[in-house]
Amino acid sequence: MKRSLHKLVALALLGALAAPAAAQFPNKPIHLVVGYPPGGGADIMTRVVAQGLAKELGEQVLVENRPGADATIATAAVARAAPDGYTLLMGTNTAMIAMPTQRNDLPYDPFKDFTPISSAGQFSKFLVVSNKLPVQSVNELLDYAKAHPGKLNSAYSNSAAQLAMVQLLATNQSKALSVPYKGDAPALIDVMGGNIDMIFTTGGSAPPLVKQGKVRALMTLQPQRSSLLPDVRTAAELGFKQLTIVPWAGFFGPAGMPPEVTTRLSEALQKLLAQPDVRAQLLNVGFEGYGMSSAQFGKFLRDMHETWVRTVRENNIRFEQ
């Protein structure tokens, strides 16, 4: 009886000590690591969120750029960090999904080594074609590709764009030559010149060219029409609900984070990403912001992993590294 009583008292004391620690989080600056260089879309998006998150939490959120190796350097660094909530990762589909389908030597496991906190949202993606291509719709593009096997080429600057194009062409068993580029900007120059026929490109790059009539946008992969190009219909509107490859971003911590800290961060991010002014700032760089609970984001990650693995294997795809 005494032993049981002592055990209950000890557990109560531990709980009492743990509760204030969780309630006091954060009490020092948080480091948010991003695996891309300053100035790009991912970096700008991260800084918008970091600024707002600092206000929500009442503590500094410092952005650290650790670019290189398709963001795997930054990802591995966060996997090794202390699981206290003070070192977080802004991760994307590249390091968390694409690279694990291609490499067996990664120094991290996207499921075992991380705590999913919240989604950040998804990067806008528009299907853009050259004005020299005699098509005005997605169906016309697919019919043209089917009727001219081996003639069309497609540019891509990231794994999501490459897989999205493969998924689209697979809807009528057509194909195109995939041409890798270092970024959307040089690829779009070749689309404008007619050297490249089509590309899935970001909302940060495409809208000005579409509005100037230099290229044509046929579709967006976003769940709703983008305010950047409101006349461009979504894949779902056009009947292409099977297009499930989306370029996304989200926030992770190392595995083993205290549930209370994970919940605190997740709720703060969800609240922040629902604010109209924050969403407007993100849309300016072609990013559709929205948050998820830790459990929802974990399920999303698993679903995306299954989709990407299946698409990669069925089409024998190799990503440029």
Protein backbone atom coordinates (compact mmCIF):
# COMPACT_ATOMS: atom_id res chain seq x y z
CA MET A 1 0.00 0.00 0.00
CA LYS A 2 2.79 2.39 0.98
CA ARG A 3 4.76 1.45 -2.13
CA SER A 4 1.76 2.21 -4.36
CA LEU A 5 1.20 5.50 -2.60
CA HIS A 6 4.83 6.53 -3.04
CA LYS A 7 4.63 5.67 -6.73
CA LEU A 8 1.51 7.80 -7.19
CA VAL A 9 3.15 10.71 -5.39
CA ALA A 10 6.26 10.40 -7.56
CA LEU A 11 4.20 10.36 -10.76
CA ALA A 12 2.24 13.38 -9.57
CA LEU A 13 5.48 15.28 -8.88
CA LEU A 14 6.87 14.40 -12.29
CA GLY A 15 3.68 15.60 -13.94
CA ALA A 16 3.78 18.82 -11.96
CA LEU A 17 7.36 19.46 -13.03
CA ALA A 18 6.71 18.63 -16.69
CA ALA A 19 3.61 20.81 -17.02
CA PRO A 20 5.36 24.14 -16.25
CA ALA A 21 8.20 23.22 -18.62
CA ALA A 22 5.74 22.69 -21.47
CA ALA A 23 3.76 25.78 -20.51
CA GLN A 24 6.91 27.91 -20.59
CA PHE A 25 7.79 26.86 -24.16
CA PRO A 26 9.36 28.71 -25.81
CA ASN A 27 11.67 30.62 -23.50
CA LYS A 28 14.55 31.15 -25.92
CA PRO A 29 14.96 31.69 -29.69
CA ILE A 30 13.82 28.96 -32.08
CA HIS A 31 16.03 28.07 -35.02
CA LEU A 32 14.14 27.32 -38.24
CA VAL A 33 16.40 25.59 -40.77
CA VAL A 34 15.69 25.81 -44.51
CA GLY A 35 17.64 23.81 -47.09
CA TYR A 36 17.58 26.46 -49.80
CA PRO A 37 19.61 29.64 -50.43
CA PRO A 38 18.39 33.13 -49.51
CA GLY A 39 16.14 34.94 -51.97
CA GLY A 40 14.29 31.98 -53.49
CA GLY A 41 10.61 31.16 -53.10
CA ALA A 42 11.16 28.62 -50.31
CA ASP A 43 13.36 31.03 -48.36
CA ILE A 44 10.94 33.97 -48.73
CA MET A 45 8.00 31.79 -47.67
CA THR A 46 9.95 30.57 -44.62
CA ARG A 47 10.80 34.12 -43.55
CA VAL A 48 7.19 35.26 -43.83
CA VAL A 49 6.13 32.37 -41.60
CA ALA A 50 9.04 32.86 -39.18
CA GLN A 51 8.15 36.52 -38.66
CA GLY A 52 4.52 35.71 -37.93
CA LEU A 53 5.36 32.70 -35.76
CA ALA A 54 7.61 34.86 -33.59
CA LYS A 55 4.64 37.12 -32.85
CA GLU A 56 2.40 34.15 -32.10
CA LEU A 57 4.90 32.55 -29.70
CA GLY A 58 6.37 35.72 -28.21
CA GLU A 59 9.92 34.58 -28.94
CA GLN A 60 12.43 35.02 -31.76
CA VAL A 61 12.34 32.59 -34.70
CA LEU A 62 15.68 32.70 -36.50
CA VAL A 63 15.91 31.41 -40.07
CA GLU A 64 19.07 29.46 -40.92
CA ASN A 65 19.87 28.73 -44.57
CA ARG A 66 21.79 25.48 -45.08
CA PRO A 67 21.54 24.86 -48.83
CA GLY A 68 23.01 21.94 -50.73
CA ALA A 69 22.40 18.37 -51.86
CA ASP A 70 18.71 18.94 -52.63
CA ALA A 71 18.09 20.17 -49.08
CA THR A 72 19.29 16.89 -47.56
CA ILE A 73 22.11 18.63 -45.63
CA ALA A 74 19.65 20.80 -43.72
CA THR A 75 17.26 17.90 -43.24
CA ALA A 76 19.94 15.65 -41.77
CA ALA A 77 21.10 18.41 -39.42
CA VAL A 78 17.62 18.80 -37.91
CA ALA A 79 17.25 15.02 -37.57
CA ARG A 80 20.34 15.06 -35.32
CA ALA A 81 19.19 18.03 -33.21
CA ALA A 82 17.83 17.85 -29.68
CA PRO A 83 14.07 17.09 -29.75
CA ASP A 84 13.14 20.08 -27.59
CA GLY A 85 11.30 22.19 -30.17
CA TYR A 86 14.06 24.76 -30.52
CA THR A 87 15.43 23.42 -33.81
CA LEU A 88 12.87 22.98 -36.58
CA LEU A 89 12.94 22.23 -40.29
CA MET A 90 11.07 23.82 -43.15
CA GLY A 91 10.95 20.66 -45.27
CA THR A 92 9.62 20.13 -48.78
CA ASN A 93 8.71 17.19 -50.99
CA THR A 94 12.24 17.15 -52.41
CA ALA A 95 14.15 16.07 -49.30
CA MET A 96 11.30 14.34 -47.50
CA ILE A 97 9.79 12.35 -50.39
CA ALA A 98 11.69 12.56 -53.68
CA MET A 99 15.20 11.86 -52.42
CA PRO A 100 14.15 8.86 -50.27
CA THR A 101 12.69 7.23 -53.40
CA GLN A 102 16.05 7.58 -55.15
CA ARG A 103 18.74 7.03 -52.54
CA ASN A 104 19.39 4.33 -49.98
CA ASP A 105 22.27 6.22 -48.36
CA LEU A 106 20.41 9.20 -46.92
CA PRO A 107 21.50 10.01 -43.34
CA TYR A 108 17.87 10.25 -42.19
CA ASP A 109 14.51 8.51 -42.46
CA PRO A 110 11.60 10.90 -43.20
CA PHE A 111 9.25 8.93 -40.95
CA LYS A 112 11.44 7.62 -38.11
CA ASP A 113 13.67 10.65 -37.57
CA PHE A 114 11.13 13.49 -37.52
CA THR A 115 8.06 14.78 -35.73
CA PRO A 116 5.56 16.24 -38.21
CA ILE A 117 4.27 19.54 -36.82
CA SER A 118 2.13 21.22 -39.47
CA SER A 119 1.91 21.69 -43.19
CA ALA A 120 2.87 25.11 -44.51
CA GLY A 121 0.88 24.69 -47.73
CA GLN A 122 1.78 24.14 -51.35
CA PHE A 123 3.64 25.97 -54.06
CA SER A 124 1.48 27.10 -56.97
CA LYS A 125 1.94 25.05 -60.12
CA PHE A 126 0.66 26.05 -63.54
CA LEU A 127 0.78 24.03 -66.75
CA VAL A 128 2.27 26.49 -69.23
CA VAL A 129 2.80 25.90 -72.96
CA SER A 130 4.61 27.69 -75.76
CA ASN A 131 2.57 29.98 -77.99
CA LYS A 132 4.05 28.06 -80.92
CA LEU A 133 2.24 24.91 -79.83
CA PRO A 134 -1.12 24.64 -81.68
CA VAL A 135 -3.22 23.83 -78.58
CA GLN A 136 -5.61 25.88 -76.47
CA SER A 137 -6.59 23.38 -73.77
CA VAL A 138 -5.24 20.47 -71.77
CA ASN A 139 -7.25 17.96 -73.81
CA GLU A 140 -5.90 19.44 -77.04
CA LEU A 141 -2.39 19.17 -75.63
CA LEU A 142 -2.87 15.52 -74.75
CA ASP A 143 -4.41 14.76 -78.16
CA TYR A 144 -1.49 16.49 -79.87
CA ALA A 145 1.06 14.56 -77.79
CA LYS A 146 -0.72 11.29 -78.62
CA ALA A 147 -0.82 12.10 -82.34
CA HIS A 148 2.84 13.17 -82.46
CA PRO A 149 4.78 10.56 -80.41
CA GLY A 150 8.29 11.64 -79.57
CA LYS A 151 7.83 15.20 -80.84
CA LEU A 152 7.03 17.15 -77.64
CA ASN A 153 9.45 18.04 -74.87
CA SER A 154 8.82 19.14 -71.32
CA ALA A 155 11.01 21.18 -68.99
CA TYR A 156 11.27 20.70 -65.24
CA SER A 157 13.37 22.22 -62.48
CA ASN A 158 12.24 20.04 -59.57
CA SER A 159 10.92 16.58 -58.86
CA ALA A 160 7.30 17.68 -58.34
CA ALA A 161 7.14 19.30 -61.77
CA GLN A 162 8.68 16.24 -63.40
CA LEU A 163 6.25 13.80 -61.76
CA ALA A 164 3.23 16.01 -62.36
CA MET A 165 3.94 16.04 -66.10
CA VAL A 166 4.39 12.27 -66.13
CA GLN A 167 1.04 11.85 -64.36
CA LEU A 168 -0.69 14.16 -66.82
CA LEU A 169 0.68 12.47 -69.94
CA ALA A 170 -0.14 9.05 -68.50
CA THR A 171 -3.86 9.91 -68.58
CA ASN A 172 -3.89 9.12 -72.30
CA GLN A 173 -0.69 7.04 -72.49
CA SER A 174 1.29 9.79 -74.25
CA LYS A 175 4.88 10.80 -73.54
CA ALA A 176 7.29 13.70 -73.93
CA LEU A 177 11.04 14.13 -73.59
CA SER A 178 11.87 15.45 -70.10
CA VAL A 179 14.52 18.21 -70.08
CA PRO A 180 16.03 19.22 -66.72
CA TYR A 181 16.75 22.88 -65.89
CA LYS A 182 18.41 24.55 -62.92
CA GLY A 183 15.39 26.77 -62.36
CA ASP A 184 12.05 27.87 -63.76
CA ALA A 185 13.38 31.18 -65.11
CA PRO A 186 15.75 29.71 -67.76
CA ALA A 187 13.19 27.04 -68.64
CA LEU A 188 10.50 29.65 -69.25
CA ILE A 189 12.83 31.58 -71.54
CA ASP A 190 13.03 28.48 -73.73
CA VAL A 191 9.25 27.98 -73.53
CA MET A 192 8.78 31.56 -74.75
CA GLY A 193 11.26 30.91 -77.56
CA GLY A 194 9.57 27.69 -78.61
CA ASN A 195 12.56 25.48 -77.82
CA ILE A 196 10.54 23.87 -75.01
CA ASP A 197 6.89 22.96 -75.51
CA MET A 198 5.56 22.87 -71.94
CA ILE A 199 6.32 23.03 -68.25
CA PHE A 200 4.68 22.83 -64.84
CA THR A 201 6.01 26.07 -63.37
CA THR A 202 5.57 28.04 -60.17
CA GLY A 203 3.16 30.83 -59.41
CA GLY A 204 6.11 33.09 -58.72
CA SER A 205 7.36 32.84 -62.31
CA ALA A 206 4.43 32.21 -64.65
CA PRO A 207 1.73 34.89 -64.05
CA PRO A 208 3.56 37.94 -65.45
CA LEU A 209 4.46 36.07 -68.66
CA VAL A 210 0.92 34.74 -69.06
CA LYS A 211 -0.57 38.20 -68.56
CA GLN A 212 1.83 39.61 -71.16
CA GLY A 213 0.75 36.93 -73.64
CA LYS A 214 4.24 35.43 -73.92
CA VAL A 215 3.08 31.92 -72.88
CA ARG A 216 -0.28 30.24 -72.27
CA ALA A 217 -1.44 28.73 -68.96
CA LEU A 218 -3.81 25.79 -69.40
CA MET A 219 -4.32 24.54 -65.85
CA THR A 220 -3.32 24.88 -62.19
CA LEU A 221 -2.64 22.04 -59.76
CA GLN A 222 -3.92 24.04 -56.80
CA PRO A 223 -7.15 22.84 -55.14
CA GLN A 224 -8.76 26.21 -55.91
CA ARG A 225 -8.17 28.72 -58.67
CA SER A 226 -5.23 30.98 -57.94
CA SER A 227 -5.80 34.69 -57.42
CA LEU A 228 -2.62 35.17 -59.45
CA LEU A 229 -4.37 33.79 -62.57
CA PRO A 230 -8.05 33.49 -61.66
CA ASP A 231 -9.15 32.56 -65.19
CA VAL A 232 -7.00 29.43 -65.23
CA ARG A 233 -9.06 26.41 -64.22
CA THR A 234 -7.95 23.74 -61.75
CA ALA A 235 -7.14 20.14 -62.64
CA ALA A 236 -10.27 19.03 -60.77
CA GLU A 237 -12.46 21.46 -62.73
CA LEU A 238 -11.07 20.05 -65.95
CA GLY A 239 -11.73 16.46 -64.91
CA PHE A 240 -8.16 15.51 -63.99
CA LYS A 241 -8.74 14.52 -60.37
CA GLN A 242 -6.11 11.79 -60.72
CA LEU A 243 -3.34 14.42 -60.75
CA THR A 244 -2.16 14.07 -57.15
CA ILE A 245 1.45 15.25 -57.34
CA VAL A 246 1.69 18.60 -55.58
CA PRO A 247 4.78 20.55 -54.51
CA TRP A 248 4.34 21.10 -50.78
CA ALA A 249 6.16 22.37 -47.73
CA GLY A 250 5.77 21.79 -44.02
CA PHE A 251 7.38 22.05 -40.62
CA PHE A 252 9.14 19.25 -38.78
CA GLY A 253 11.07 18.73 -35.58
CA PRO A 254 13.39 15.89 -34.59
CA ALA A 255 11.77 12.62 -33.52
CA GLY A 256 10.77 12.39 -29.87
CA MET A 257 9.53 15.94 -29.31
CA PRO A 258 7.24 16.35 -26.26
CA PRO A 259 3.59 16.18 -27.41
CA GLU A 260 2.80 19.43 -25.60
CA VAL A 261 5.52 21.29 -27.52
CA THR A 262 4.43 19.78 -30.83
CA THR A 263 0.83 20.82 -30.17
CA ARG A 264 1.89 24.34 -29.14
CA LEU A 265 3.85 24.81 -32.36
CA SER A 266 1.21 23.19 -34.56
CA GLU A 267 -1.62 25.31 -33.19
CA ALA A 268 0.43 28.49 -33.55
CA LEU A 269 1.27 27.64 -37.18
CA GLN A 270 -2.33 26.75 -38.03
CA LYS A 271 -3.56 30.03 -36.53
CA LEU A 272 -0.88 32.00 -38.37
CA LEU A 273 -1.49 30.38 -41.76
CA ALA A 274 -5.21 31.14 -41.50
CA GLN A 275 -4.60 34.89 -41.21
CA PRO A 276 -5.61 36.77 -44.41
CA ASP A 277 -2.59 39.10 -44.38
CA VAL A 278 -0.15 36.19 -44.05
CA ARG A 279 -1.91 34.23 -46.80
CA ALA A 280 -1.75 37.32 -49.04
CA GLN A 281 2.00 37.71 -48.45
CA LEU A 282 2.56 34.05 -49.33
CA LEU A 283 0.42 34.27 -52.48
CA ASN A 284 2.68 37.05 -53.71
CA VAL A 285 5.48 34.49 -53.98
CA GLY A 286 3.22 31.83 -55.47
CA PHE A 287 2.54 29.90 -52.27
CA GLU A 288 -0.87 28.77 -51.00
CA GLY A 289 -0.57 28.67 -47.23
CA TYR A 290 -2.59 26.39 -44.94
CA GLY A 291 -1.89 24.51 -41.72
CA MET A 292 -2.67 21.02 -40.46
CA SER A 293 -2.54 19.26 -37.11
CA SER A 294 0.44 17.03 -36.45
CA ALA A 295 -1.68 13.91 -37.05
CA GLN A 296 -3.16 15.27 -40.28
CA PHE A 297 0.26 16.26 -41.56
CA GLY A 298 1.70 12.85 -40.71
CA LYS A 299 -1.06 11.15 -42.72
CA PHE A 300 -0.54 13.58 -45.60
CA LEU A 301 3.17 12.71 -45.62
CA ARG A 302 2.45 8.98 -45.78
CA ASP A 303 -0.12 9.43 -48.56
CA MET A 304 2.26 11.57 -50.62
CA HIS A 305 5.05 9.05 -50.11
CA GLU A 306 2.89 6.23 -51.47
CA THR A 307 1.84 8.30 -54.50
CA TRP A 308 5.37 9.39 -55.35
CA VAL A 309 6.87 5.92 -54.92
CA ARG A 310 4.20 4.40 -57.15
CA THR A 311 4.61 7.08 -59.85
CA VAL A 312 8.40 6.83 -59.80
CA ARG A 313 8.45 3.04 -60.03
CA GLU A 314 5.75 2.76 -62.69
CA ASN A 315 7.56 5.25 -64.93
CA ASN A 316 11.18 4.35 -64.04
CA ILE A 317 12.00 7.95 -63.18
CA ARG A 318 15.38 9.23 -62.05
CA PHE A 319 15.60 12.71 -60.56
CA GLU A 320 18.45 15.05 -61.38
CA GLN A 321 20.70 15.40 -58.30
